[in-house]
Amino acid sequence: QLQLVESGGGLVQPGGSLRLSCAASGFTLDLYAIGWFRQAPGKEREGVSCISSNGNSLNYADSVKGRFTISRDNAKNTVYLQMNSLKPGDTAVYYCAADSRRACWNWGRAALYDSWGQGTQVTVSS
């Protein structure tokens, strides 16, 4: 059974940093592209970033380019999202999701992903 577990969320001041982790169990993560999404209260879920199964394709939403970095350690079966220069507008529940197509094609479309984690809360506030 495919399972993804996010961790690393929390409360941080504007300008601060957090690193989110997405750990996989029950399957080999390097067979999947991994996307990060977020959903703020009253808003639709939006794609934040995606990394292909081999790590060669990195994709970011315009709102996080230059501030967020996605990476993967297939040996640890884990994908990371390093978030720097955080803003109050980044406050949301962050989810990771696995896409068996391996590449980040149409990566912002949530319906294309096979499995989802339960989410981790990120709150940016002073």
N, C-alpha and C. Protein backbone atom coordinates (compact mmCIF):
# COMPACT_ATOMS: atom_id res chain seq x y z
N GLN A 1 0.84 -1.19 0.00
CA GLN A 1 0.00 0.00 0.00
C GLN A 1 0.88 1.24 0.00
N LEU A 2 0.61 2.13 -0.94
CA LEU A 2 1.39 3.35 -1.04
C LEU A 2 1.04 4.28 0.11
N GLN A 3 2.05 4.80 0.75
CA GLN A 3 1.81 5.75 1.83
C GLN A 3 2.85 6.85 1.80
N LEU A 4 2.38 8.08 1.93
CA LEU A 4 3.25 9.24 2.00
C LEU A 4 2.98 9.96 3.32
N VAL A 5 4.03 10.39 3.98
CA VAL A 5 3.89 11.09 5.25
C VAL A 5 4.71 12.37 5.20
N GLU A 6 4.03 13.51 5.37
CA GLU A 6 4.71 14.80 5.42
C GLU A 6 5.09 15.14 6.86
N SER A 7 6.17 15.89 6.99
CA SER A 7 6.58 16.39 8.29
C SER A 7 7.38 17.67 8.08
N GLY A 8 7.62 18.38 9.18
CA GLY A 8 8.45 19.58 9.13
C GLY A 8 7.69 20.89 9.17
N GLY A 9 6.38 20.83 9.17
CA GLY A 9 5.61 22.06 9.26
C GLY A 9 5.69 22.68 10.64
N GLY A 10 5.16 23.89 10.75
CA GLY A 10 5.17 24.57 12.04
C GLY A 10 4.88 26.04 11.89
N LEU A 11 5.13 26.76 12.98
CA LEU A 11 4.94 28.21 13.01
C LEU A 11 6.28 28.90 12.84
N VAL A 12 6.35 29.84 11.92
CA VAL A 12 7.60 30.54 11.65
C VAL A 12 7.29 32.01 11.38
N GLN A 13 8.21 32.87 11.71
CA GLN A 13 8.03 34.30 11.46
C GLN A 13 8.29 34.62 10.00
N PRO A 14 7.71 35.70 9.51
CA PRO A 14 8.01 36.12 8.12
C PRO A 14 9.52 36.28 7.93
N GLY A 15 9.97 35.79 6.78
CA GLY A 15 11.40 35.80 6.49
C GLY A 15 12.12 34.56 6.94
N GLY A 16 11.45 33.72 7.70
CA GLY A 16 12.07 32.51 8.21
C GLY A 16 12.06 31.37 7.20
N SER A 17 12.55 30.21 7.67
CA SER A 17 12.68 29.05 6.80
C SER A 17 12.12 27.80 7.47
N LEU A 18 11.67 26.88 6.64
CA LEU A 18 11.27 25.55 7.08
C LEU A 18 11.68 24.56 6.00
N ARG A 19 11.92 23.33 6.41
CA ARG A 19 12.13 22.27 5.45
C ARG A 19 11.10 21.18 5.67
N LEU A 20 10.29 20.96 4.66
CA LEU A 20 9.29 19.90 4.71
C LEU A 20 9.88 18.61 4.14
N SER A 21 9.47 17.51 4.71
CA SER A 21 9.88 16.19 4.23
C SER A 21 8.66 15.39 3.82
N CYS A 22 8.84 14.58 2.82
CA CYS A 22 7.78 13.67 2.35
C CYS A 22 8.41 12.29 2.28
N ALA A 23 8.06 11.46 3.24
CA ALA A 23 8.64 10.11 3.32
C ALA A 23 7.65 9.09 2.79
N ALA A 24 8.19 8.16 2.01
CA ALA A 24 7.34 7.15 1.40
C ALA A 24 7.54 5.79 2.05
N SER A 25 6.48 5.03 2.13
CA SER A 25 6.57 3.65 2.60
C SER A 25 5.66 2.79 1.74
N GLY A 26 6.05 1.54 1.59
CA GLY A 26 5.23 0.63 0.80
C GLY A 26 5.55 0.67 -0.68
N PHE A 27 6.42 1.58 -1.10
CA PHE A 27 6.80 1.63 -2.51
C PHE A 27 8.12 2.35 -2.64
N THR A 28 8.73 2.18 -3.82
CA THR A 28 10.02 2.82 -4.08
C THR A 28 9.77 4.19 -4.68
N LEU A 29 10.19 5.20 -3.98
CA LEU A 29 9.88 6.57 -4.36
C LEU A 29 10.49 6.95 -5.70
N ASP A 30 11.61 6.33 -6.09
CA ASP A 30 12.28 6.76 -7.32
C ASP A 30 11.54 6.33 -8.58
N LEU A 31 10.42 5.66 -8.44
CA LEU A 31 9.58 5.34 -9.58
C LEU A 31 8.51 6.40 -9.83
N TYR A 32 8.50 7.44 -9.00
CA TYR A 32 7.44 8.43 -9.06
C TYR A 32 7.98 9.86 -9.13
N ALA A 33 7.29 10.69 -9.89
CA ALA A 33 7.45 12.12 -9.71
C ALA A 33 6.71 12.51 -8.43
N ILE A 34 7.22 13.49 -7.72
CA ILE A 34 6.59 13.94 -6.48
C ILE A 34 6.25 15.42 -6.59
N GLY A 35 5.01 15.72 -6.30
CA GLY A 35 4.57 17.10 -6.29
C GLY A 35 4.26 17.58 -4.88
N TRP A 36 4.47 18.86 -4.65
CA TRP A 36 4.03 19.51 -3.42
C TRP A 36 2.88 20.45 -3.77
N PHE A 37 1.85 20.37 -2.98
CA PHE A 37 0.69 21.24 -3.13
C PHE A 37 0.42 21.93 -1.79
N ARG A 38 -0.37 22.97 -1.84
CA ARG A 38 -0.79 23.61 -0.59
C ARG A 38 -2.23 24.08 -0.72
N GLN A 39 -2.88 24.17 0.42
CA GLN A 39 -4.25 24.63 0.44
C GLN A 39 -4.47 25.50 1.66
N ALA A 40 -4.82 26.75 1.39
CA ALA A 40 -5.12 27.69 2.46
C ALA A 40 -6.63 27.68 2.71
N PRO A 41 -7.06 28.09 3.90
CA PRO A 41 -8.51 28.09 4.20
C PRO A 41 -9.29 28.89 3.17
N GLY A 42 -10.34 28.30 2.64
CA GLY A 42 -11.20 28.98 1.69
C GLY A 42 -10.65 29.08 0.28
N LYS A 43 -9.50 28.45 0.05
CA LYS A 43 -8.89 28.51 -1.28
C LYS A 43 -8.73 27.12 -1.86
N GLU A 44 -8.58 27.07 -3.17
CA GLU A 44 -8.36 25.79 -3.83
C GLU A 44 -6.93 25.30 -3.60
N ARG A 45 -6.77 23.98 -3.72
CA ARG A 45 -5.43 23.40 -3.62
C ARG A 45 -4.62 23.85 -4.83
N GLU A 46 -3.39 24.29 -4.60
CA GLU A 46 -2.56 24.77 -5.69
C GLU A 46 -1.22 24.06 -5.70
N GLY A 47 -0.70 23.84 -6.89
CA GLY A 47 0.60 23.22 -7.03
C GLY A 47 1.70 24.19 -6.66
N VAL A 48 2.67 23.69 -5.90
CA VAL A 48 3.80 24.50 -5.45
C VAL A 48 5.07 24.12 -6.20
N SER A 49 5.32 22.80 -6.32
CA SER A 49 6.56 22.35 -6.94
C SER A 49 6.43 20.89 -7.33
N CYS A 50 7.31 20.47 -8.23
CA CYS A 50 7.32 19.07 -8.65
C CYS A 50 8.75 18.70 -9.03
N ILE A 51 9.12 17.44 -8.70
CA ILE A 51 10.42 16.91 -9.09
C ILE A 51 10.17 15.57 -9.77
N SER A 52 10.83 15.36 -10.91
CA SER A 52 10.65 14.11 -11.64
C SER A 52 11.32 12.96 -10.90
N SER A 53 11.04 11.75 -11.33
CA SER A 53 11.55 10.57 -10.63
C SER A 53 13.07 10.52 -10.61
N ASN A 54 13.72 11.01 -11.66
CA ASN A 54 15.19 10.98 -11.69
C ASN A 54 15.80 12.28 -11.18
N GLY A 55 14.97 13.22 -10.79
CA GLY A 55 15.46 14.46 -10.22
C GLY A 55 15.93 15.49 -11.23
N ASN A 56 15.80 15.18 -12.51
CA ASN A 56 16.33 16.10 -13.53
C ASN A 56 15.38 17.24 -13.86
N SER A 57 14.12 17.09 -13.58
CA SER A 57 13.13 18.13 -13.87
C SER A 57 12.61 18.71 -12.57
N LEU A 58 12.84 20.01 -12.38
CA LEU A 58 12.37 20.72 -11.20
C LEU A 58 11.42 21.81 -11.67
N ASN A 59 10.30 21.91 -11.01
CA ASN A 59 9.27 22.85 -11.44
C ASN A 59 8.73 23.60 -10.21
N TYR A 60 8.43 24.89 -10.42
CA TYR A 60 7.95 25.71 -9.31
C TYR A 60 6.83 26.62 -9.77
N ALA A 61 5.91 26.89 -8.87
CA ALA A 61 4.93 27.93 -9.10
C ALA A 61 5.63 29.28 -9.08
N ASP A 62 5.12 30.23 -9.84
CA ASP A 62 5.75 31.55 -9.90
C ASP A 62 5.82 32.19 -8.53
N SER A 63 4.85 31.90 -7.68
CA SER A 63 4.78 32.53 -6.37
C SER A 63 5.90 32.09 -5.43
N VAL A 64 6.57 30.97 -5.74
CA VAL A 64 7.60 30.47 -4.83
C VAL A 64 8.97 30.40 -5.49
N LYS A 65 9.07 30.71 -6.77
CA LYS A 65 10.37 30.65 -7.46
C LYS A 65 11.38 31.55 -6.78
N GLY A 66 12.58 31.01 -6.62
CA GLY A 66 13.64 31.76 -5.97
C GLY A 66 13.62 31.66 -4.46
N ARG A 67 12.54 31.12 -3.89
CA ARG A 67 12.43 31.00 -2.43
C ARG A 67 12.37 29.55 -1.98
N PHE A 68 11.74 28.70 -2.77
CA PHE A 68 11.58 27.29 -2.43
C PHE A 68 12.49 26.44 -3.32
N THR A 69 12.97 25.34 -2.75
CA THR A 69 13.80 24.39 -3.48
C THR A 69 13.33 22.98 -3.19
N ILE A 70 13.04 22.24 -4.24
CA ILE A 70 12.63 20.84 -4.09
C ILE A 70 13.84 19.95 -4.39
N SER A 71 13.94 18.86 -3.64
CA SER A 71 15.02 17.91 -3.85
C SER A 71 14.55 16.53 -3.41
N ARG A 72 15.33 15.53 -3.77
CA ARG A 72 14.96 14.18 -3.37
C ARG A 72 16.20 13.39 -3.03
N ASP A 73 16.03 12.48 -2.09
CA ASP A 73 17.07 11.53 -1.71
C ASP A 73 16.44 10.15 -1.85
N ASN A 74 16.63 9.56 -3.00
CA ASN A 74 15.97 8.27 -3.25
C ASN A 74 16.48 7.17 -2.33
N ALA A 75 17.71 7.29 -1.88
CA ALA A 75 18.25 6.30 -0.94
C ALA A 75 17.47 6.31 0.37
N LYS A 76 16.97 7.49 0.73
CA LYS A 76 16.18 7.63 1.97
C LYS A 76 14.68 7.59 1.69
N ASN A 77 14.34 7.42 0.40
CA ASN A 77 12.93 7.37 0.03
C ASN A 77 12.18 8.62 0.48
N THR A 78 12.82 9.76 0.33
CA THR A 78 12.27 11.01 0.86
C THR A 78 12.48 12.15 -0.14
N VAL A 79 11.47 13.01 -0.21
CA VAL A 79 11.55 14.25 -0.99
C VAL A 79 11.43 15.42 -0.02
N TYR A 80 12.17 16.48 -0.30
CA TYR A 80 12.20 17.64 0.58
C TYR A 80 11.70 18.88 -0.15
N LEU A 81 11.19 19.81 0.64
CA LEU A 81 10.86 21.14 0.13
C LEU A 81 11.46 22.14 1.10
N GLN A 82 12.55 22.76 0.68
CA GLN A 82 13.19 23.81 1.48
C GLN A 82 12.49 25.12 1.17
N MET A 83 11.97 25.75 2.21
CA MET A 83 11.21 26.98 2.03
C MET A 83 11.91 28.11 2.76
N ASN A 84 12.39 29.09 2.03
CA ASN A 84 13.09 30.24 2.59
C ASN A 84 12.28 31.52 2.35
N SER A 85 12.64 32.56 3.05
CA SER A 85 11.98 33.87 2.90
C SER A 85 10.46 33.73 2.94
N LEU A 86 9.99 33.01 3.91
CA LEU A 86 8.56 32.73 3.99
C LEU A 86 7.75 33.99 4.24
N LYS A 87 6.56 34.00 3.65
CA LYS A 87 5.65 35.13 3.75
C LYS A 87 4.33 34.66 4.38
N PRO A 88 3.56 35.58 4.93
CA PRO A 88 2.25 35.17 5.47
C PRO A 88 1.38 34.48 4.43
N GLY A 89 1.52 34.86 3.18
CA GLY A 89 0.75 34.25 2.11
C GLY A 89 1.11 32.80 1.84
N ASP A 90 2.21 32.32 2.44
CA ASP A 90 2.59 30.90 2.29
C ASP A 90 1.87 30.02 3.30
N THR A 91 1.13 30.63 4.21
CA THR A 91 0.40 29.86 5.22
C THR A 91 -0.63 28.95 4.56
N ALA A 92 -0.53 27.66 4.86
CA ALA A 92 -1.42 26.67 4.25
C ALA A 92 -1.08 25.30 4.82
N VAL A 93 -1.93 24.34 4.50
CA VAL A 93 -1.57 22.94 4.71
C VAL A 93 -0.84 22.48 3.46
N TYR A 94 0.32 21.88 3.65
CA TYR A 94 1.14 21.44 2.54
C TYR A 94 1.03 19.92 2.41
N TYR A 95 0.83 19.47 1.17
CA TYR A 95 0.68 18.06 0.87
C TYR A 95 1.72 17.63 -0.16
N CYS A 96 2.21 16.40 -0.03
CA CYS A 96 2.98 15.83 -1.12
C CYS A 96 2.14 14.73 -1.78
N ALA A 97 2.45 14.49 -3.05
CA ALA A 97 1.68 13.53 -3.83
C ALA A 97 2.60 12.84 -4.82
N ALA A 98 2.28 11.59 -5.15
CA ALA A 98 3.10 10.78 -6.03
C ALA A 98 2.40 10.57 -7.38
N ASP A 99 3.18 10.72 -8.44
CA ASP A 99 2.68 10.56 -9.81
C ASP A 99 3.47 9.45 -10.50
N SER A 100 2.80 8.36 -10.85
CA SER A 100 3.48 7.19 -11.43
C SER A 100 3.97 7.44 -12.85
N ARG A 101 3.61 8.55 -13.47
CA ARG A 101 4.09 8.85 -14.82
C ARG A 101 5.55 9.30 -14.82
N ARG A 102 6.11 9.51 -13.61
CA ARG A 102 7.53 9.81 -13.39
C ARG A 102 7.95 11.23 -13.76
N ALA A 103 7.41 11.77 -14.83
CA ALA A 103 7.78 13.14 -15.23
C ALA A 103 6.75 14.12 -14.67
N CYS A 104 7.08 15.37 -14.64
CA CYS A 104 6.18 16.39 -14.09
C CYS A 104 5.32 17.01 -15.18
N TRP A 105 4.66 16.16 -15.95
CA TRP A 105 3.78 16.68 -16.99
C TRP A 105 2.50 17.20 -16.35
N ASN A 106 2.11 18.41 -16.72
CA ASN A 106 0.90 19.03 -16.15
C ASN A 106 0.91 18.88 -14.63
N TRP A 107 2.02 19.16 -14.02
CA TRP A 107 2.23 18.83 -12.62
C TRP A 107 1.30 19.57 -11.67
N GLY A 108 0.73 20.65 -12.10
CA GLY A 108 -0.14 21.40 -11.22
C GLY A 108 -1.56 20.85 -11.11
N ARG A 109 -1.86 19.80 -11.85
CA ARG A 109 -3.20 19.21 -11.84
C ARG A 109 -3.26 18.12 -10.78
N ALA A 110 -3.94 18.38 -9.70
CA ALA A 110 -3.97 17.47 -8.57
C ALA A 110 -4.57 16.11 -8.94
N ALA A 111 -5.51 16.09 -9.88
CA ALA A 111 -6.19 14.84 -10.23
C ALA A 111 -5.27 13.81 -10.87
N LEU A 112 -4.10 14.23 -11.34
CA LEU A 112 -3.18 13.32 -12.03
C LEU A 112 -2.33 12.49 -11.06
N TYR A 113 -2.36 12.82 -9.79
CA TYR A 113 -1.51 12.14 -8.81
C TYR A 113 -2.20 10.91 -8.24
N ASP A 114 -1.40 9.89 -7.94
CA ASP A 114 -1.94 8.60 -7.52
C ASP A 114 -2.16 8.50 -6.01
N SER A 115 -1.26 9.08 -5.25
CA SER A 115 -1.33 8.95 -3.80
C SER A 115 -0.99 10.28 -3.15
N TRP A 116 -1.60 10.50 -1.99
CA TRP A 116 -1.42 11.76 -1.26
C TRP A 116 -1.07 11.49 0.20
N GLY A 117 -0.30 12.40 0.76
CA GLY A 117 -0.08 12.37 2.19
C GLY A 117 -1.20 13.08 2.92
N GLN A 118 -1.10 13.12 4.24
CA GLN A 118 -2.17 13.69 5.06
C GLN A 118 -2.02 15.20 5.25
N GLY A 119 -0.87 15.73 4.92
CA GLY A 119 -0.64 17.17 5.01
C GLY A 119 0.06 17.59 6.28
N THR A 120 0.75 18.72 6.20
CA THR A 120 1.41 19.32 7.36
C THR A 120 1.16 20.83 7.33
N GLN A 121 0.82 21.38 8.48
CA GLN A 121 0.45 22.79 8.56
C GLN A 121 1.69 23.68 8.60
N VAL A 122 1.69 24.70 7.77
CA VAL A 122 2.72 25.73 7.80
C VAL A 122 2.03 27.06 8.07
N THR A 123 2.46 27.73 9.12
CA THR A 123 1.89 29.03 9.48
C THR A 123 3.01 30.05 9.56
N VAL A 124 2.86 31.11 8.78
CA VAL A 124 3.86 32.18 8.77
C VAL A 124 3.21 33.42 9.38
N SER A 125 3.67 33.79 10.55
CA SER A 125 3.04 34.88 11.28
C SER A 125 4.02 35.44 12.29
N SER A 126 3.89 36.75 12.53
CA SER A 126 4.70 37.38 13.56
C SER A 126 3.94 37.43 14.88
